[in-house]
Structure formats: C-alpha cells, structure tokens
Amino acid sequence: MIWRFIYLVAHQLGDSLRFSRLAPDDKTIELLLLRQQLLIVRRHQKRGPTITRMEKLLLLTLVEQLRPIVELPGPNWSD
C-alpha cells in the first residue's frame, strides 16, 4: 500500500515537472484534450469510477494546493 502511494506521488511529481515546462498554449490544449477525454469516458462508463484511498488522498492534496489559485470554495464547517 505504501509503495502504491510512493508511486502515485512520484508519478505526480514527474507530471508536474513536465507540465511546468510546457508553453501556456500547450498547457491550454492539453487541458482541453483531457477534459474532452473525461467527457468521453463518462459517457461510456455505466457506474462511477473506483478510486482507492491513496488516489483520494492525492486528489485532496492537489485540490488544496489549487484552492488559493482558482478561489475554490472551502468546506463549510458551520452547518
């Protein structure tokens, strides 16, 4: 389990390094392509994706890093 997490983090770091070296136009094109691929997968998938706990942890970490950049709403703990 820990090896899977280390693999996911290492893979994410490699992607981040590669993505940081792209020109802004290339980044935009890649994001649009990934969004289109995601829409296609959603149409063909009968049920939701199976996400492991490690993948959820990695996604949560990335969302928390992205939150100040794009002003995502935080969790509402007052309810």
Protein backbone atom coordinates (compact mmCIF):
# COMPACT_ATOMS: atom_id res chain seq x y z
CA MET A 1 0.00 0.00 0.00
CA ILE A 2 2.79 2.43 0.85
CA TRP A 3 4.54 1.54 -2.42
CA ARG A 4 1.41 2.45 -4.34
CA PHE A 5 1.31 5.83 -2.60
CA ILE A 6 5.01 6.44 -3.32
CA TYR A 7 4.39 5.53 -6.96
CA LEU A 8 1.44 7.94 -7.19
CA VAL A 9 3.43 10.79 -5.64
CA ALA A 10 6.45 10.14 -7.88
CA HIS A 11 4.22 9.96 -10.95
CA GLN A 12 2.51 13.22 -9.95
CA LEU A 13 5.87 14.95 -9.46
CA GLY A 14 7.02 13.79 -12.89
CA ASP A 15 3.82 15.08 -14.48
CA SER A 16 4.17 18.39 -12.65
CA LEU A 17 7.73 18.79 -13.88
CA ARG A 18 6.75 18.00 -17.46
CA PHE A 19 3.71 20.28 -17.26
CA SER A 20 5.72 23.19 -15.84
CA ARG A 21 7.99 23.17 -18.91
CA LEU A 22 5.14 23.50 -21.40
CA ALA A 23 4.25 26.78 -23.04
CA PRO A 24 0.95 28.34 -21.89
CA ASP A 25 -0.75 27.49 -25.19
CA ASP A 26 0.38 23.88 -24.92
CA LYS A 27 -0.99 23.69 -21.37
CA THR A 28 -4.34 25.01 -22.55
CA ILE A 29 -4.50 22.50 -25.39
CA GLU A 30 -3.58 19.62 -23.07
CA LEU A 31 -6.23 20.63 -20.52
CA LEU A 32 -8.90 20.88 -23.22
CA LEU A 33 -7.88 17.47 -24.57
CA LEU A 34 -8.03 15.90 -21.10
CA ARG A 35 -11.47 17.41 -20.44
CA GLN A 36 -12.75 16.01 -23.73
CA GLN A 37 -11.33 12.58 -22.91
CA LEU A 38 -13.01 12.72 -19.49
CA LEU A 39 -16.38 13.54 -21.09
CA ILE A 40 -16.00 10.56 -23.44
CA VAL A 41 -15.13 8.21 -20.58
CA ARG A 42 -18.11 9.44 -18.55
CA ARG A 43 -20.46 8.73 -21.44
CA HIS A 44 -19.20 5.15 -21.85
CA GLN A 45 -18.96 4.25 -18.18
CA LYS A 46 -22.07 2.74 -16.62
CA ARG A 47 -21.14 3.46 -13.00
CA GLY A 48 -18.81 5.83 -11.22
CA PRO A 49 -15.07 5.30 -11.04
CA THR A 50 -13.46 3.14 -8.39
CA ILE A 51 -10.97 5.35 -6.56
CA THR A 52 -8.61 3.96 -3.94
CA ARG A 53 -7.93 5.75 -0.66
CA MET A 54 -4.42 6.69 -1.82
CA GLU A 55 -5.79 8.23 -5.01
CA LYS A 56 -8.36 10.15 -2.97
CA LEU A 57 -5.59 11.44 -0.69
CA LEU A 58 -3.55 12.58 -3.67
CA LEU A 59 -6.57 14.29 -5.25
CA LEU A 60 -7.40 16.02 -1.97
CA THR A 61 -3.82 17.28 -1.67
CA LEU A 62 -3.90 18.64 -5.22
CA VAL A 63 -7.26 20.35 -4.67
CA GLU A 64 -5.97 22.02 -1.51
CA GLN A 65 -2.96 23.33 -3.43
CA LEU A 66 -5.21 24.54 -6.24
CA ARG A 67 -7.80 26.20 -3.97
CA PRO A 68 -5.95 29.54 -3.44
CA ILE A 69 -5.09 29.79 -7.14
CA VAL A 70 -8.60 29.43 -8.55
CA GLU A 71 -10.56 30.52 -5.46
CA LEU A 72 -12.40 27.25 -4.94
CA PRO A 73 -14.92 27.35 -2.11
CA GLY A 74 -13.70 25.67 1.04
CA PRO A 75 -15.69 23.22 3.14
CA ASN A 76 -18.50 24.80 5.13
CA TRP A 77 -17.97 23.57 8.68
CA SER A 78 -20.64 25.81 10.24
CA ASP A 79 -23.58 23.67 9.04
